[in-house]
Amino acid sequence: FENGISASASWCFAAGDRLDRCEIVGDAGRIVFATFDDSPVRLF
């Protein structure tokens, strides 16, 4: 991104199972969440 943050991503719609996970990593913690279900947002 223009602000210097980087990201990696993978999508597979021919997989054998389901996984919906996004993680944002900071210098003092991280946030983990799903995009398409309403599982809790987790802060570490």
All heavy atoms as atom14 arrays in JSON, in Angstrom:
{
  "sequence": "FENGISASASWCFAAGDRLDRCEIVGDAGRIVFATFDDSPVRLF",
  "atom14_mask": [
    [1, 1, 1, 1, 1, 1, 1, 1, 1, 1, 1, 0, 0, 0],
    [1, 1, 1, 1, 1, 1, 1, 1, 1, 0, 0, 0, 0, 0],
    [1, 1, 1, 1, 1, 1, 1, 1, 0, 0, 0, 0, 0, 0],
    [1, 1, 1, 1, 0, 0, 0, 0, 0, 0, 0, 0, 0, 0],
    [1, 1, 1, 1, 1, 1, 1, 1, 0, 0, 0, 0, 0, 0],
    [1, 1, 1, 1, 1, 1, 0, 0, 0, 0, 0, 0, 0, 0],
    [1, 1, 1, 1, 1, 0, 0, 0, 0, 0, 0, 0, 0, 0],
    [1, 1, 1, 1, 1, 1, 0, 0, 0, 0, 0, 0, 0, 0],
    [1, 1, 1, 1, 1, 0, 0, 0, 0, 0, 0, 0, 0, 0],
    [1, 1, 1, 1, 1, 1, 0, 0, 0, 0, 0, 0, 0, 0],
    [1, 1, 1, 1, 1, 1, 1, 1, 1, 1, 1, 1, 1, 1],
    [1, 1, 1, 1, 1, 1, 0, 0, 0, 0, 0, 0, 0, 0],
    [1, 1, 1, 1, 1, 1, 1, 1, 1, 1, 1, 0, 0, 0],
    [1, 1, 1, 1, 1, 0, 0, 0, 0, 0, 0, 0, 0, 0],
    [1, 1, 1, 1, 1, 0, 0, 0, 0, 0, 0, 0, 0, 0],
    [1, 1, 1, 1, 0, 0, 0, 0, 0, 0, 0, 0, 0, 0],
    [1, 1, 1, 1, 1, 1, 1, 1, 0, 0, 0, 0, 0, 0],
    [1, 1, 1, 1, 1, 1, 1, 1, 1, 1, 1, 0, 0, 0],
    [1, 1, 1, 1, 1, 1, 1, 1, 0, 0, 0, 0, 0, 0],
    [1, 1, 1, 1, 1, 1, 1, 1, 0, 0, 0, 0, 0, 0],
    [1, 1, 1, 1, 1, 1, 1, 1, 1, 1, 1, 0, 0, 0],
    [1, 1, 1, 1, 1, 1, 0, 0, 0, 0, 0, 0, 0, 0],
    [1, 1, 1, 1, 1, 1, 1, 1, 1, 0, 0, 0, 0, 0],
    [1, 1, 1, 1, 1, 1, 1, 1, 0, 0, 0, 0, 0, 0],
    [1, 1, 1, 1, 1, 1, 1, 0, 0, 0, 0, 0, 0, 0],
    [1, 1, 1, 1, 0, 0, 0, 0, 0, 0, 0, 0, 0, 0],
    [1, 1, 1, 1, 1, 1, 1, 1, 0, 0, 0, 0, 0, 0],
    [1, 1, 1, 1, 1, 0, 0, 0, 0, 0, 0, 0, 0, 0],
    [1, 1, 1, 1, 0, 0, 0, 0, 0, 0, 0, 0, 0, 0],
    [1, 1, 1, 1, 1, 1, 1, 1, 1, 1, 1, 0, 0, 0],
    [1, 1, 1, 1, 1, 1, 1, 1, 0, 0, 0, 0, 0, 0],
    [1, 1, 1, 1, 1, 1, 1, 0, 0, 0, 0, 0, 0, 0],
    [1, 1, 1, 1, 1, 1, 1, 1, 1, 1, 1, 0, 0, 0],
    [1, 1, 1, 1, 1, 0, 0, 0, 0, 0, 0, 0, 0, 0],
    [1, 1, 1, 1, 1, 1, 1, 0, 0, 0, 0, 0, 0, 0],
    [1, 1, 1, 1, 1, 1, 1, 1, 1, 1, 1, 0, 0, 0],
    [1, 1, 1, 1, 1, 1, 1, 1, 0, 0, 0, 0, 0, 0],
    [1, 1, 1, 1, 1, 1, 1, 1, 0, 0, 0, 0, 0, 0],
    [1, 1, 1, 1, 1, 1, 0, 0, 0, 0, 0, 0, 0, 0],
    [1, 1, 1, 1, 1, 1, 1, 0, 0, 0, 0, 0, 0, 0],
    [1, 1, 1, 1, 1, 1, 1, 0, 0, 0, 0, 0, 0, 0],
    [1, 1, 1, 1, 1, 1, 1, 1, 1, 1, 1, 0, 0, 0],
    [1, 1, 1, 1, 1, 1, 1, 1, 0, 0, 0, 0, 0, 0],
    [1, 1, 1, 1, 1, 1, 1, 1, 1, 1, 1, 0, 0, 0]
  ],
  "atom14_positions": [
    [[0.83, -1.19, 0.0], [0.0, 0.0, 0.0], [0.88, 1.25, 0.0], [2.06, 1.2, 0.32], [-0.94, -0.03, 1.21], [-1.91, -1.18, 1.18], [-1.54, -2.43, 1.65], [-3.18, -1.02, 0.64], [-2.42, -3.5, 1.6], [-4.06, -2.09, 0.58], [-3.68, -3.33, 1.06], [0.0, 0.0, 0.0], [0.0, 0.0, 0.0], [0.0, 0.0, 0.0]],
    [[0.28, 2.36, -0.35], [1.03, 3.61, -0.44], [1.64, 4.01, 0.9], [2.65, 4.71, 0.95], [0.15, 4.73, -0.98], [-0.2, 4.57, -2.46], [-1.03, 5.7, -3.0], [-1.39, 6.62, -2.2], [-1.34, 5.69, -4.2], [0.0, 0.0, 0.0], [0.0, 0.0, 0.0], [0.0, 0.0, 0.0], [0.0, 0.0, 0.0], [0.0, 0.0, 0.0]],
    [[1.02, 3.55, 2.01], [1.55, 3.88, 3.33], [2.66, 2.93, 3.79], [3.13, 3.02, 4.92], [0.42, 3.9, 4.37], [-0.27, 2.56, 4.53], [0.16, 1.55, 3.97], [-1.36, 2.54, 5.28], [0.0, 0.0, 0.0], [0.0, 0.0, 0.0], [0.0, 0.0, 0.0], [0.0, 0.0, 0.0], [0.0, 0.0, 0.0], [0.0, 0.0, 0.0]],
    [[3.05, 1.98, 2.92], [4.15, 1.07, 3.22], [3.73, -0.27, 3.78], [4.56, -1.19, 3.86], [0.0, 0.0, 0.0], [0.0, 0.0, 0.0], [0.0, 0.0, 0.0], [0.0, 0.0, 0.0], [0.0, 0.0, 0.0], [0.0, 0.0, 0.0], [0.0, 0.0, 0.0], [0.0, 0.0, 0.0], [0.0, 0.0, 0.0], [0.0, 0.0, 0.0]],
    [[2.5, -0.42, 4.21], [2.02, -1.71, 4.71], [1.95, -2.71, 3.56], [1.58, -2.37, 2.44], [0.63, -1.56, 5.37], [0.74, -0.68, 6.62], [0.02, -2.91, 5.71], [-0.59, -0.3, 7.21], [0.0, 0.0, 0.0], [0.0, 0.0, 0.0], [0.0, 0.0, 0.0], [0.0, 0.0, 0.0], [0.0, 0.0, 0.0], [0.0, 0.0, 0.0]],
    [[2.33, -3.95, 3.84], [2.28, -5.0, 2.81], [1.25, -6.05, 3.2], [0.83, -6.15, 4.36], [3.65, -5.65, 2.63], [4.08, -6.26, 3.84], [0.0, 0.0, 0.0], [0.0, 0.0, 0.0], [0.0, 0.0, 0.0], [0.0, 0.0, 0.0], [0.0, 0.0, 0.0], [0.0, 0.0, 0.0], [0.0, 0.0, 0.0], [0.0, 0.0, 0.0]],
    [[0.83, -6.85, 2.22], [-0.16, -7.89, 2.46], [0.06, -9.04, 1.49], [0.58, -8.85, 0.38], [-1.58, -7.35, 2.3], [0.0, 0.0, 0.0], [0.0, 0.0, 0.0], [0.0, 0.0, 0.0], [0.0, 0.0, 0.0], [0.0, 0.0, 0.0], [0.0, 0.0, 0.0], [0.0, 0.0, 0.0], [0.0, 0.0, 0.0], [0.0, 0.0, 0.0]],
    [[-0.33, -10.23, 1.91], [-0.37, -11.38, 1.03], [-1.76, -11.99, 1.12], [-2.45, -11.85, 2.13], [0.69, -12.42, 1.44], [0.46, -12.88, 2.75], [0.0, 0.0, 0.0], [0.0, 0.0, 0.0], [0.0, 0.0, 0.0], [0.0, 0.0, 0.0], [0.0, 0.0, 0.0], [0.0, 0.0, 0.0], [0.0, 0.0, 0.0], [0.0, 0.0, 0.0]],
    [[-2.17, -12.67, 0.05], [-3.53, -13.19, 0.02], [-3.59, -14.42, -0.87], [-2.85, -14.52, -1.87], [-4.51, -12.13, -0.51], [0.0, 0.0, 0.0], [0.0, 0.0, 0.0], [0.0, 0.0, 0.0], [0.0, 0.0, 0.0], [0.0, 0.0, 0.0], [0.0, 0.0, 0.0], [0.0, 0.0, 0.0], [0.0, 0.0, 0.0], [0.0, 0.0, 0.0]],
    [[-4.47, -15.36, -0.51], [-4.7, -16.52, -1.35], [-6.18, -16.87, -1.32], [-6.83, -16.78, -0.27], [-3.86, -17.72, -0.91], [-4.21, -18.11, 0.41], [0.0, 0.0, 0.0], [0.0, 0.0, 0.0], [0.0, 0.0, 0.0], [0.0, 0.0, 0.0], [0.0, 0.0, 0.0], [0.0, 0.0, 0.0], [0.0, 0.0, 0.0], [0.0, 0.0, 0.0]],
    [[-6.68, -17.23, -2.48], [-8.08, -17.63, -2.63], [-8.11, -18.95, -3.39], [-7.44, -19.1, -4.41], [-8.86, -16.6, -3.43], [-8.96, -15.24, -2.83], [-9.95, -14.75, -2.03], [-8.04, -14.15, -3.0], [-9.73, -13.44, -1.7], [-8.56, -13.04, -2.29], [-6.84, -13.99, -3.71], [-7.91, -11.81, -2.24], [-6.18, -12.78, -3.65], [-6.72, -11.7, -2.92]],
    [[-8.89, -19.9, -2.93], [-9.09, -21.14, -3.67], [-10.55, -21.54, -3.57], [-11.06, -21.8, -2.47], [-8.21, -22.27, -3.12], [-8.36, -23.8, -4.09], [0.0, 0.0, 0.0], [0.0, 0.0, 0.0], [0.0, 0.0, 0.0], [0.0, 0.0, 0.0], [0.0, 0.0, 0.0], [0.0, 0.0, 0.0], [0.0, 0.0, 0.0], [0.0, 0.0, 0.0]],
    [[-11.22, -21.58, -4.72], [-12.63, -21.94, -4.78], [-12.8, -23.33, -5.4], [-13.85, -23.66, -5.93], [-13.4, -20.88, -5.55], [-13.32, -19.52, -4.9], [-12.39, -18.59, -5.34], [-14.13, -19.21, -3.82], [-12.29, -17.35, -4.71], [-14.04, -17.98, -3.2], [-13.12, -17.04, -3.64], [0.0, 0.0, 0.0], [0.0, 0.0, 0.0], [0.0, 0.0, 0.0]],
    [[-11.74, -24.14, -5.29], [-11.79, -25.54, -5.68], [-11.08, -26.38, -4.62], [-10.37, -27.33, -4.93], [-11.14, -25.73, -7.06], [0.0, 0.0, 0.0], [0.0, 0.0, 0.0], [0.0, 0.0, 0.0], [0.0, 0.0, 0.0], [0.0, 0.0, 0.0], [0.0, 0.0, 0.0], [0.0, 0.0, 0.0], [0.0, 0.0, 0.0], [0.0, 0.0, 0.0]],
    [[-11.26, -25.98, -3.36], [-10.58, -26.63, -2.24], [-11.42, -27.76, -1.66], [-12.6, -27.91, -1.97], [-10.28, -25.58, -1.16], [0.0, 0.0, 0.0], [0.0, 0.0, 0.0], [0.0, 0.0, 0.0], [0.0, 0.0, 0.0], [0.0, 0.0, 0.0], [0.0, 0.0, 0.0], [0.0, 0.0, 0.0], [0.0, 0.0, 0.0], [0.0, 0.0, 0.0]],
    [[-10.79, -28.54, -0.78], [-11.49, -29.64, -0.14], [-12.15, -29.27, 1.17], [-12.9, -30.06, 1.73], [0.0, 0.0, 0.0], [0.0, 0.0, 0.0], [0.0, 0.0, 0.0], [0.0, 0.0, 0.0], [0.0, 0.0, 0.0], [0.0, 0.0, 0.0], [0.0, 0.0, 0.0], [0.0, 0.0, 0.0], [0.0, 0.0, 0.0], [0.0, 0.0, 0.0]],
    [[-11.85, -28.07, 1.67], [-12.46, -27.64, 2.92], [-12.67, -26.13, 2.88], [-12.47, -25.5, 1.83], [-11.58, -28.03, 4.12], [-10.21, -27.37, 4.07], [-9.92, -26.64, 3.07], [-9.42, -27.55, 5.02], [0.0, 0.0, 0.0], [0.0, 0.0, 0.0], [0.0, 0.0, 0.0], [0.0, 0.0, 0.0], [0.0, 0.0, 0.0], [0.0, 0.0, 0.0]],
    [[-13.06, -25.57, 4.02], [-13.36, -24.14, 4.09], [-12.42, -23.45, 5.08], [-12.16, -23.97, 6.17], [-14.81, -23.92, 4.52], [-15.83, -24.41, 3.52], [-17.26, -24.17, 3.97], [-18.2, -24.66, 2.98], [-18.62, -23.95, 1.93], [-18.2, -22.7, 1.77], [-19.47, -24.46, 1.06], [0.0, 0.0, 0.0], [0.0, 0.0, 0.0], [0.0, 0.0, 0.0]],
    [[-11.95, -22.3, 4.69], [-11.14, -21.46, 5.57], [-11.41, -20.01, 5.22], [-11.38, -19.64, 4.05], [-9.65, -21.78, 5.4], [-8.67, -20.91, 6.21], [-8.88, -21.13, 7.71], [-7.23, -21.21, 5.8], [0.0, 0.0, 0.0], [0.0, 0.0, 0.0], [0.0, 0.0, 0.0], [0.0, 0.0, 0.0], [0.0, 0.0, 0.0], [0.0, 0.0, 0.0]],
    [[-11.72, -19.22, 6.23], [-11.99, -17.79, 6.04], [-11.26, -17.07, 7.16], [-11.75, -16.98, 8.29], [-13.51, -17.54, 6.1], [-13.89, -16.07, 5.95], [-12.99, -15.22, 5.8], [-15.1, -15.77, 5.98], [0.0, 0.0, 0.0], [0.0, 0.0, 0.0], [0.0, 0.0, 0.0], [0.0, 0.0, 0.0], [0.0, 0.0, 0.0], [0.0, 0.0, 0.0]],
    [[-10.07, -16.56, 6.87], [-9.23, -15.99, 7.92], [-8.45, -14.81, 7.39], [-7.82, -14.88, 6.34], [-8.26, -17.05, 8.45], [-7.44, -16.62, 9.66], [-6.54, -17.76, 10.12], [-5.91, -17.5, 11.39], [-4.78, -16.8, 11.55], [-4.17, -16.29, 10.48], [-4.27, -16.62, 12.75], [0.0, 0.0, 0.0], [0.0, 0.0, 0.0], [0.0, 0.0, 0.0]],
    [[-8.47, -13.73, 8.14], [-7.64, -12.57, 7.85], [-6.93, -12.16, 9.13], [-7.53, -12.17, 10.21], [-8.48, -11.41, 7.32], [-7.47, -9.98, 6.83], [0.0, 0.0, 0.0], [0.0, 0.0, 0.0], [0.0, 0.0, 0.0], [0.0, 0.0, 0.0], [0.0, 0.0, 0.0], [0.0, 0.0, 0.0], [0.0, 0.0, 0.0], [0.0, 0.0, 0.0]],
    [[-5.67, -11.82, 9.01], [-4.87, -11.4, 10.16], [-4.14, -10.11, 9.83], [-3.51, -9.99, 8.77], [-3.86, -12.49, 10.54], [-3.03, -12.17, 11.76], [-2.16, -13.34, 12.19], [-1.73, -14.12, 11.3], [-1.91, -13.49, 13.39], [0.0, 0.0, 0.0], [0.0, 0.0, 0.0], [0.0, 0.0, 0.0], [0.0, 0.0, 0.0], [0.0, 0.0, 0.0]],
    [[-4.25, -9.15, 10.72], [-3.52, -7.88, 10.58], [-2.52, -7.83, 11.72], [-2.88, -7.91, 12.9], [-4.47, -6.67, 10.64], [-5.52, -6.76, 9.54], [-3.68, -5.37, 10.53], [-6.61, -5.72, 9.65], [0.0, 0.0, 0.0], [0.0, 0.0, 0.0], [0.0, 0.0, 0.0], [0.0, 0.0, 0.0], [0.0, 0.0, 0.0], [0.0, 0.0, 0.0]],
    [[-1.25, -7.7, 11.37], [-0.16, -7.75, 12.34], [0.4, -6.35, 12.53], [0.72, -5.65, 11.56], [0.96, -8.7, 11.86], [2.13, -8.69, 12.84], [0.41, -10.1, 11.68], [0.0, 0.0, 0.0], [0.0, 0.0, 0.0], [0.0, 0.0, 0.0], [0.0, 0.0, 0.0], [0.0, 0.0, 0.0], [0.0, 0.0, 0.0], [0.0, 0.0, 0.0]],
    [[0.5, -5.93, 13.8], [1.12, -4.66, 14.13], [2.36, -4.85, 14.97], [2.72, -5.99, 15.31], [0.0, 0.0, 0.0], [0.0, 0.0, 0.0], [0.0, 0.0, 0.0], [0.0, 0.0, 0.0], [0.0, 0.0, 0.0], [0.0, 0.0, 0.0], [0.0, 0.0, 0.0], [0.0, 0.0, 0.0], [0.0, 0.0, 0.0], [0.0, 0.0, 0.0]],
    [[3.01, -3.75, 15.35], [4.22, -3.87, 16.16], [3.91, -4.07, 17.64], [4.82, -4.18, 18.46], [5.15, -2.68, 15.95], [4.55, -1.36, 16.41], [3.41, -1.34, 16.92], [5.22, -0.31, 16.23], [0.0, 0.0, 0.0], [0.0, 0.0, 0.0], [0.0, 0.0, 0.0], [0.0, 0.0, 0.0], [0.0, 0.0, 0.0], [0.0, 0.0, 0.0]],
    [[2.6, -4.14, 17.99], [2.23, -4.37, 19.39], [1.06, -5.34, 19.52], [0.41, -5.39, 20.57], [1.88, -3.05, 20.07], [0.0, 0.0, 0.0], [0.0, 0.0, 0.0], [0.0, 0.0, 0.0], [0.0, 0.0, 0.0], [0.0, 0.0, 0.0], [0.0, 0.0, 0.0], [0.0, 0.0, 0.0], [0.0, 0.0, 0.0], [0.0, 0.0, 0.0]],
    [[0.78, -6.11, 18.46], [-0.31, -7.06, 18.55], [-0.85, -7.44, 17.19], [-0.27, -7.09, 16.15], [0.0, 0.0, 0.0], [0.0, 0.0, 0.0], [0.0, 0.0, 0.0], [0.0, 0.0, 0.0], [0.0, 0.0, 0.0], [0.0, 0.0, 0.0], [0.0, 0.0, 0.0], [0.0, 0.0, 0.0], [0.0, 0.0, 0.0], [0.0, 0.0, 0.0]],
    [[-1.98, -8.13, 17.17], [-2.58, -8.54, 15.91], [-4.09, -8.69, 16.07], [-4.6, -8.91, 17.19], [-1.98, -9.85, 15.4], [-2.09, -11.01, 16.35], [-1.18, -12.17, 15.93], [-1.2, -13.25, 16.91], [-1.97, -14.33, 16.84], [-2.78, -14.5, 15.79], [-1.94, -15.26, 17.76], [0.0, 0.0, 0.0], [0.0, 0.0, 0.0], [0.0, 0.0, 0.0]],
    [[-4.81, -8.59, 14.96], [-6.25, -8.77, 14.91], [-6.54, -9.9, 13.93], [-5.99, -9.93, 12.83], [-6.95, -7.49, 14.42], [-6.66, -6.32, 15.37], [-8.45, -7.7, 14.3], [-7.09, -4.97, 14.82], [0.0, 0.0, 0.0], [0.0, 0.0, 0.0], [0.0, 0.0, 0.0], [0.0, 0.0, 0.0], [0.0, 0.0, 0.0], [0.0, 0.0, 0.0]],
    [[-7.41, -10.83, 14.32], [-7.79, -11.95, 13.47], [-9.31, -11.94, 13.3], [-10.05, -11.79, 14.29], [-7.33, -13.29, 14.08], [-7.76, -14.45, 13.18], [-5.82, -13.3, 14.3], [0.0, 0.0, 0.0], [0.0, 0.0, 0.0], [0.0, 0.0, 0.0], [0.0, 0.0, 0.0], [0.0, 0.0, 0.0], [0.0, 0.0, 0.0], [0.0, 0.0, 0.0]],
    [[-9.76, -12.09, 12.06], [-11.21, -12.05, 11.82], [-11.54, -12.81, 10.54], [-10.66, -13.15, 9.73], [-11.7, -10.6, 11.7], [-11.09, -9.81, 10.57], [-11.72, -9.71, 9.34], [-9.87, -9.16, 10.74], [-11.16, -8.99, 8.3], [-9.29, -8.43, 9.7], [-9.95, -8.33, 8.48], [0.0, 0.0, 0.0], [0.0, 0.0, 0.0], [0.0, 0.0, 0.0]],
    [[-12.83, -13.09, 10.36], [-13.36, -13.69, 9.13], [-14.1, -12.63, 8.35], [-14.63, -11.66, 8.91], [-14.29, -14.85, 9.47], [0.0, 0.0, 0.0], [0.0, 0.0, 0.0], [0.0, 0.0, 0.0], [0.0, 0.0, 0.0], [0.0, 0.0, 0.0], [0.0, 0.0, 0.0], [0.0, 0.0, 0.0], [0.0, 0.0, 0.0], [0.0, 0.0, 0.0]],
    [[-14.18, -12.83, 7.04], [-14.88, -11.88, 6.18], [-16.32, -12.27, 5.95], [-17.21, -11.41, 5.93], [-14.17, -11.77, 4.81], [-12.79, -11.44, 5.01], [-14.82, -10.69, 3.96], [0.0, 0.0, 0.0], [0.0, 0.0, 0.0], [0.0, 0.0, 0.0], [0.0, 0.0, 0.0], [0.0, 0.0, 0.0], [0.0, 0.0, 0.0], [0.0, 0.0, 0.0]],
    [[-16.6, -13.56, 5.77], [-17.91, -13.98, 5.29], [-18.77, -14.7, 6.34], [-19.89, -15.08, 6.05], [-17.75, -14.85, 4.04], [-17.15, -14.08, 2.91], [-15.8, -14.19, 2.6], [-17.92, -13.21, 2.16], [-15.24, -13.46, 1.56], [-17.37, -12.47, 1.12], [-16.03, -12.6, 0.82], [0.0, 0.0, 0.0], [0.0, 0.0, 0.0], [0.0, 0.0, 0.0]],
    [[-18.26, -14.91, 7.54], [-19.15, -15.34, 8.62], [-18.98, -14.35, 9.76], [-18.14, -13.46, 9.71], [-18.88, -16.79, 9.04], [-17.51, -16.98, 9.67], [-17.12, -16.16, 10.53], [-16.82, -17.96, 9.33], [0.0, 0.0, 0.0], [0.0, 0.0, 0.0], [0.0, 0.0, 0.0], [0.0, 0.0, 0.0], [0.0, 0.0, 0.0], [0.0, 0.0, 0.0]],
    [[-19.81, -14.49, 10.78], [-19.77, -13.5, 11.86], [-19.11, -14.05, 13.12], [-19.52, -13.74, 14.24], [-21.18, -12.96, 12.16], [-22.15, -14.06, 12.55], [-21.76, -15.24, 12.55], [-23.31, -13.72, 12.86], [0.0, 0.0, 0.0], [0.0, 0.0, 0.0], [0.0, 0.0, 0.0], [0.0, 0.0, 0.0], [0.0, 0.0, 0.0], [0.0, 0.0, 0.0]],
    [[-18.06, -14.86, 12.93], [-17.29, -15.31, 14.08], [-16.65, -14.1, 14.76], [-16.44, -13.05, 14.13], [-16.23, -16.31, 13.64], [-15.36, -15.74, 12.68], [0.0, 0.0, 0.0], [0.0, 0.0, 0.0], [0.0, 0.0, 0.0], [0.0, 0.0, 0.0], [0.0, 0.0, 0.0], [0.0, 0.0, 0.0], [0.0, 0.0, 0.0], [0.0, 0.0, 0.0]],
    [[-16.34, -14.2, 16.04], [-15.82, -13.03, 16.77], [-14.52, -12.48, 16.19], [-13.68, -13.24, 15.68], [-15.61, -13.58, 18.19], [-16.53, -14.74, 18.31], [-16.56, -15.35, 16.94], [0.0, 0.0, 0.0], [0.0, 0.0, 0.0], [0.0, 0.0, 0.0], [0.0, 0.0, 0.0], [0.0, 0.0, 0.0], [0.0, 0.0, 0.0], [0.0, 0.0, 0.0]],
    [[-14.37, -11.19, 16.26], [-13.1, -10.53, 15.98], [-12.19, -10.76, 17.18], [-12.61, -10.54, 18.33], [-13.3, -9.02, 15.74], [-11.96, -8.31, 15.59], [-14.2, -8.79, 14.53], [0.0, 0.0, 0.0], [0.0, 0.0, 0.0], [0.0, 0.0, 0.0], [0.0, 0.0, 0.0], [0.0, 0.0, 0.0], [0.0, 0.0, 0.0], [0.0, 0.0, 0.0]],
    [[-10.96, -11.2, 16.94], [-10.05, -11.5, 18.06], [-8.86, -10.55, 18.04], [-8.23, -10.35, 17.0], [-9.58, -12.96, 18.0], [-10.75, -13.94, 18.14], [-10.31, -15.37, 18.32], [-11.45, -16.26, 18.48], [-12.09, -16.47, 19.62], [-11.67, -15.86, 20.71], [-13.13, -17.28, 19.68], [0.0, 0.0, 0.0], [0.0, 0.0, 0.0], [0.0, 0.0, 0.0]],
    [[-8.59, -9.99, 19.22], [-7.48, -9.06, 19.4], [-6.45, -9.7, 20.32], [-6.79, -10.18, 21.42], [-7.99, -7.76, 20.01], [-6.94, -6.76, 20.51], [-6.11, -6.22, 19.34], [-7.6, -5.63, 21.27], [0.0, 0.0, 0.0], [0.0, 0.0, 0.0], [0.0, 0.0, 0.0], [0.0, 0.0, 0.0], [0.0, 0.0, 0.0], [0.0, 0.0, 0.0]],
    [[-5.21, -9.73, 19.89], [-4.09, -10.25, 20.68], [-3.09, -9.13, 20.87], [-2.56, -8.58, 19.88], [-3.42, -11.43, 19.97], [-4.34, -12.59, 19.66], [-5.11, -12.58, 18.5], [-4.44, -13.67, 20.51], [-5.95, -13.65, 18.19], [-5.27, -14.74, 20.22], [-6.03, -14.72, 19.07], [0.0, 0.0, 0.0], [0.0, 0.0, 0.0], [0.0, 0.0, 0.0]]
  ]
}
